[in-house]
N, C-alpha and C. Protein backbone atom coordinates (compact mmCIF):
# COMPACT_ATOMS: atom_id res chain seq x y z
N MET A 1 18.14 24.43 2.77
CA MET A 1 18.13 22.99 2.56
C MET A 1 17.09 22.65 1.49
N PRO A 2 17.45 21.79 0.51
CA PRO A 2 16.52 21.50 -0.58
C PRO A 2 15.35 20.63 -0.12
N LYS A 3 14.27 20.72 -0.87
CA LYS A 3 13.10 19.89 -0.58
C LYS A 3 13.40 18.44 -0.94
N THR A 4 12.76 17.51 -0.23
CA THR A 4 12.93 16.10 -0.55
C THR A 4 11.94 15.73 -1.65
N LYS A 5 12.41 14.94 -2.60
CA LYS A 5 11.56 14.53 -3.70
C LYS A 5 10.67 13.37 -3.26
N THR A 6 9.46 13.35 -3.78
CA THR A 6 8.53 12.26 -3.54
C THR A 6 8.93 11.07 -4.40
N ARG A 7 8.93 9.88 -3.80
CA ARG A 7 9.22 8.67 -4.57
C ARG A 7 8.01 8.32 -5.43
N ALA A 8 8.21 8.28 -6.73
CA ALA A 8 7.10 8.04 -7.65
C ALA A 8 6.50 6.64 -7.46
N SER A 9 7.34 5.67 -7.14
CA SER A 9 6.84 4.31 -6.97
C SER A 9 5.93 4.20 -5.75
N VAL A 10 6.27 4.91 -4.69
CA VAL A 10 5.46 4.90 -3.47
C VAL A 10 4.17 5.67 -3.71
N LYS A 11 4.25 6.75 -4.45
CA LYS A 11 3.08 7.57 -4.76
C LYS A 11 2.03 6.77 -5.53
N LYS A 12 2.49 5.86 -6.40
CA LYS A 12 1.57 5.06 -7.20
C LYS A 12 0.93 3.93 -6.39
N ARG A 13 1.63 3.43 -5.38
CA ARG A 13 1.17 2.22 -4.69
C ARG A 13 0.38 2.48 -3.42
N PHE A 14 0.50 3.64 -2.83
CA PHE A 14 -0.15 3.92 -1.56
C PHE A 14 -1.00 5.17 -1.65
N THR A 15 -2.13 5.17 -0.93
CA THR A 15 -2.96 6.36 -0.84
C THR A 15 -3.15 6.70 0.63
N VAL A 16 -3.34 7.98 0.91
CA VAL A 16 -3.50 8.44 2.28
C VAL A 16 -4.99 8.56 2.57
N THR A 17 -5.43 8.00 3.71
CA THR A 17 -6.82 8.08 4.10
C THR A 17 -7.09 9.42 4.79
N ALA A 18 -8.34 9.69 5.10
CA ALA A 18 -8.72 10.95 5.73
C ALA A 18 -8.10 11.08 7.13
N SER A 19 -7.90 9.96 7.80
CA SER A 19 -7.30 9.99 9.14
C SER A 19 -5.78 10.02 9.10
N GLY A 20 -5.19 9.97 7.89
CA GLY A 20 -3.74 10.06 7.75
C GLY A 20 -3.03 8.74 7.65
N LYS A 21 -3.78 7.63 7.68
CA LYS A 21 -3.14 6.32 7.54
C LYS A 21 -2.89 6.03 6.07
N LEU A 22 -2.00 5.08 5.80
CA LEU A 22 -1.67 4.70 4.43
C LEU A 22 -2.44 3.43 4.06
N LYS A 23 -3.03 3.46 2.88
CA LYS A 23 -3.81 2.35 2.38
C LYS A 23 -3.01 1.63 1.32
N ARG A 24 -3.04 0.29 1.34
CA ARG A 24 -2.25 -0.50 0.39
C ARG A 24 -3.07 -1.65 -0.15
N ARG A 25 -2.60 -2.24 -1.25
CA ARG A 25 -3.23 -3.42 -1.84
C ARG A 25 -2.51 -4.66 -1.35
N HIS A 26 -3.18 -5.80 -1.45
CA HIS A 26 -2.56 -7.07 -1.09
C HIS A 26 -1.79 -7.63 -2.27
N ALA A 27 -0.76 -8.39 -1.98
CA ALA A 27 0.00 -9.09 -3.01
C ALA A 27 -0.70 -10.41 -3.36
N TYR A 28 -0.21 -11.08 -4.38
CA TYR A 28 -0.67 -12.41 -4.81
C TYR A 28 -2.09 -12.40 -5.35
N HIS A 29 -2.52 -11.30 -5.97
CA HIS A 29 -3.87 -11.28 -6.54
C HIS A 29 -3.84 -10.98 -8.03
N SER A 30 -2.69 -11.12 -8.66
CA SER A 30 -2.59 -10.75 -10.07
C SER A 30 -2.62 -11.95 -11.02
N HIS A 31 -2.10 -13.08 -10.61
CA HIS A 31 -2.09 -14.24 -11.50
C HIS A 31 -2.06 -15.52 -10.69
N ILE A 32 -2.16 -16.66 -11.38
CA ILE A 32 -2.27 -17.99 -10.77
C ILE A 32 -3.42 -18.00 -9.76
N LEU A 33 -4.60 -17.61 -10.23
CA LEU A 33 -5.76 -17.50 -9.35
C LEU A 33 -6.60 -18.78 -9.32
N THR A 34 -6.33 -19.73 -10.20
CA THR A 34 -7.17 -20.92 -10.28
C THR A 34 -7.00 -21.81 -9.05
N LYS A 35 -5.82 -21.85 -8.49
CA LYS A 35 -5.59 -22.73 -7.35
C LYS A 35 -6.00 -22.08 -6.02
N LYS A 36 -6.31 -20.79 -6.03
CA LYS A 36 -6.69 -20.08 -4.80
C LYS A 36 -8.19 -20.15 -4.61
N SER A 37 -8.62 -20.28 -3.37
CA SER A 37 -10.04 -20.37 -3.09
C SER A 37 -10.72 -19.01 -3.28
N ASN A 38 -12.03 -19.04 -3.47
CA ASN A 38 -12.78 -17.79 -3.65
C ASN A 38 -12.67 -16.90 -2.43
N LYS A 39 -12.67 -17.50 -1.26
CA LYS A 39 -12.55 -16.73 -0.01
C LYS A 39 -11.21 -16.01 0.05
N ARG A 40 -10.16 -16.71 -0.35
CA ARG A 40 -8.82 -16.11 -0.33
C ARG A 40 -8.71 -14.98 -1.35
N LYS A 41 -9.28 -15.19 -2.54
CA LYS A 41 -9.23 -14.15 -3.57
C LYS A 41 -10.03 -12.93 -3.16
N ARG A 42 -11.16 -13.13 -2.51
CA ARG A 42 -11.97 -12.01 -2.03
C ARG A 42 -11.22 -11.22 -0.97
N ALA A 43 -10.53 -11.92 -0.10
CA ALA A 43 -9.76 -11.25 0.96
C ALA A 43 -8.58 -10.47 0.38
N LEU A 44 -7.94 -11.00 -0.65
CA LEU A 44 -6.82 -10.32 -1.28
C LEU A 44 -7.26 -9.10 -2.07
N CYS A 45 -8.52 -9.09 -2.48
CA CYS A 45 -9.05 -7.98 -3.27
C CYS A 45 -9.21 -6.72 -2.42
N ALA A 46 -9.45 -6.89 -1.13
CA ALA A 46 -9.71 -5.75 -0.25
C ALA A 46 -8.44 -4.97 0.04
N TYR A 47 -8.61 -3.71 0.39
CA TYR A 47 -7.48 -2.88 0.78
C TYR A 47 -7.14 -3.12 2.24
N SER A 48 -5.93 -2.78 2.62
CA SER A 48 -5.46 -2.92 4.00
C SER A 48 -4.66 -1.68 4.35
N THR A 49 -4.42 -1.49 5.65
CA THR A 49 -3.62 -0.34 6.07
C THR A 49 -2.19 -0.80 6.34
N VAL A 50 -1.27 0.10 6.19
CA VAL A 50 0.15 -0.18 6.40
C VAL A 50 0.43 -0.21 7.89
N SER A 51 1.31 -1.10 8.32
CA SER A 51 1.66 -1.18 9.73
C SER A 51 2.41 0.07 10.16
N ASN A 52 2.37 0.36 11.45
CA ASN A 52 3.02 1.56 11.97
C ASN A 52 4.52 1.55 11.77
N ALA A 53 5.13 0.36 11.79
CA ALA A 53 6.57 0.26 11.61
C ALA A 53 6.98 0.68 10.20
N ASP A 54 6.17 0.32 9.20
CA ASP A 54 6.48 0.67 7.82
C ASP A 54 5.99 2.07 7.45
N ALA A 55 4.98 2.56 8.15
CA ALA A 55 4.37 3.84 7.80
C ALA A 55 5.36 4.99 7.95
N LYS A 56 6.23 4.92 8.92
CA LYS A 56 7.19 6.01 9.15
C LYS A 56 8.11 6.19 7.95
N VAL A 57 8.64 5.08 7.44
CA VAL A 57 9.54 5.14 6.30
C VAL A 57 8.79 5.59 5.04
N LEU A 58 7.57 5.08 4.85
CA LEU A 58 6.79 5.42 3.67
C LEU A 58 6.37 6.89 3.68
N ASN A 59 6.06 7.42 4.85
CA ASN A 59 5.70 8.84 4.95
C ASN A 59 6.88 9.72 4.56
N GLU A 60 8.09 9.31 4.93
CA GLU A 60 9.28 10.07 4.52
C GLU A 60 9.47 10.00 3.01
N MET A 61 9.18 8.84 2.42
CA MET A 61 9.29 8.71 0.97
C MET A 61 8.25 9.54 0.24
N LEU A 62 7.09 9.73 0.89
CA LEU A 62 6.03 10.54 0.30
C LEU A 62 6.24 12.04 0.55
N GLY A 63 7.25 12.37 1.34
CA GLY A 63 7.51 13.76 1.64
C GLY A 63 6.56 14.35 2.66
N ARG A 64 6.02 13.51 3.55
CA ARG A 64 5.08 13.96 4.57
C ARG A 64 5.77 14.06 5.91
């Protein structure tokens, strides 16, 4: 059976932490920042972990 290819788009957007969880960036932090509060922009700047429901599919895409 052939090996599954890693999805390049997923490889660029997610990183795996030491504990095996997937780390992701928040959306809505690239443009139209003038109307957003500083608190909201600071929160969007931080990384977050992927939910367990999505992690299963993403791990398959990463070939894990």
